[in-house]
Amino acid sequence: MAEGHTKSVGPDLAQGIALSDLPDGGKLVGRCGDDQVLLVRCGTEVFAVSATCTHYGGPLADGLVVEDTVRCPWHHACFDLR
């Protein structure tokens, strides 16, 4: 199931991004080295987690953000952003 989600996409987050590039409630997928990273902004806080579900490799950027969690779009596993 996880095949096909290994290509690098998005900005190089090691270089940083402008806070204005990530609106409140927004999600952005980028890369840090060889890792795909999902950024989620909640108010003044920005959280960074792996961009893929650790169970099935689902794209968490397509998941639903509920308070300080993100849910896998493939099987609804809940990942804490904190």
Protein backbone atom coordinates (compact mmCIF):
# COMPACT_ATOMS: atom_id res chain seq x y z
CA MET A 1 0.00 0.00 0.00
CA ALA A 2 2.84 2.41 0.70
CA GLU A 3 4.39 2.18 -2.73
CA GLY A 4 4.52 5.34 -4.81
CA HIS A 5 4.85 7.81 -1.94
CA THR A 6 8.64 8.02 -1.76
CA LYS A 7 9.42 10.84 -4.21
CA SER A 8 10.64 14.14 -2.78
CA VAL A 9 8.21 17.00 -3.11
CA GLY A 10 7.84 20.49 -1.73
CA PRO A 11 10.35 22.99 -0.43
CA ASP A 12 13.58 22.15 1.34
CA LEU A 13 12.49 22.84 4.91
CA ALA A 14 16.08 22.92 6.14
CA GLN A 15 16.27 26.26 4.32
CA GLY A 16 13.18 27.50 6.19
CA ILE A 17 9.95 28.99 4.87
CA ALA A 18 8.15 32.24 5.54
CA LEU A 19 5.38 31.91 8.12
CA SER A 20 3.09 33.61 5.60
CA ASP A 21 3.56 30.56 3.31
CA LEU A 22 1.61 28.49 5.85
CA PRO A 23 -1.76 30.02 6.74
CA ASP A 24 -3.47 29.25 10.04
CA GLY A 25 -4.98 25.77 9.73
CA GLY A 26 -2.85 25.10 6.67
CA LYS A 27 -0.72 22.09 5.76
CA LEU A 28 2.46 22.00 3.70
CA VAL A 29 4.56 19.02 2.61
CA GLY A 30 8.26 19.59 2.22
CA ARG A 31 11.48 17.71 2.65
CA CYS A 32 14.26 17.71 5.18
CA GLY A 33 17.16 15.70 3.84
CA ASP A 34 15.66 12.48 2.47
CA ASP A 35 12.55 12.69 4.67
CA GLN A 36 9.14 13.98 3.63
CA VAL A 37 7.76 16.25 6.36
CA LEU A 38 4.26 17.60 6.95
CA LEU A 39 3.98 21.05 8.54
CA VAL A 40 0.67 22.02 10.15
CA ARG A 41 -0.02 25.49 11.50
CA CYS A 42 -2.40 25.93 14.44
CA GLY A 43 -2.57 29.61 15.38
CA THR A 44 0.95 30.72 16.24
CA GLU A 45 2.29 27.16 16.52
CA VAL A 46 3.76 25.13 13.67
CA PHE A 47 4.08 21.36 14.03
CA ALA A 48 6.26 19.04 11.96
CA VAL A 49 5.61 15.30 11.59
CA SER A 50 6.39 12.62 9.05
CA ALA A 51 4.34 13.17 5.90
CA THR A 52 3.33 9.52 5.72
CA CYS A 53 1.33 7.23 7.97
CA THR A 54 3.59 4.84 9.85
CA HIS A 55 1.08 2.01 9.38
CA TYR A 56 0.22 2.00 5.67
CA GLY A 57 2.22 4.91 4.24
CA GLY A 58 -0.87 7.03 3.57
CA PRO A 59 -0.27 10.70 2.70
CA LEU A 60 -1.03 12.59 5.92
CA ALA A 61 -1.29 15.87 3.98
CA ASP A 62 -4.57 14.48 2.63
CA GLY A 63 -5.74 13.72 6.16
CA LEU A 64 -8.08 15.67 8.38
CA VAL A 65 -6.60 17.95 11.05
CA VAL A 66 -8.70 17.89 14.22
CA GLU A 67 -7.42 20.16 17.00
CA ASP A 68 -3.80 19.04 17.49
CA THR A 69 -4.05 15.74 15.60
CA VAL A 70 -3.96 14.62 11.98
CA ARG A 71 -5.85 11.54 10.75
CA CYS A 72 -4.63 9.17 8.07
CA PRO A 73 -6.89 9.46 5.02
CA TRP A 74 -6.56 5.73 4.32
CA HIS A 75 -7.57 4.19 7.65
CA HIS A 76 -8.22 7.11 10.04
CA ALA A 77 -5.36 6.44 12.47
CA CYS A 78 -4.87 9.51 14.63
CA PHE A 79 -1.41 11.09 15.00
CA ASP A 80 -0.66 13.66 17.70
CA LEU A 81 0.97 16.78 16.27
CA ARG A 82 2.51 17.70 19.61
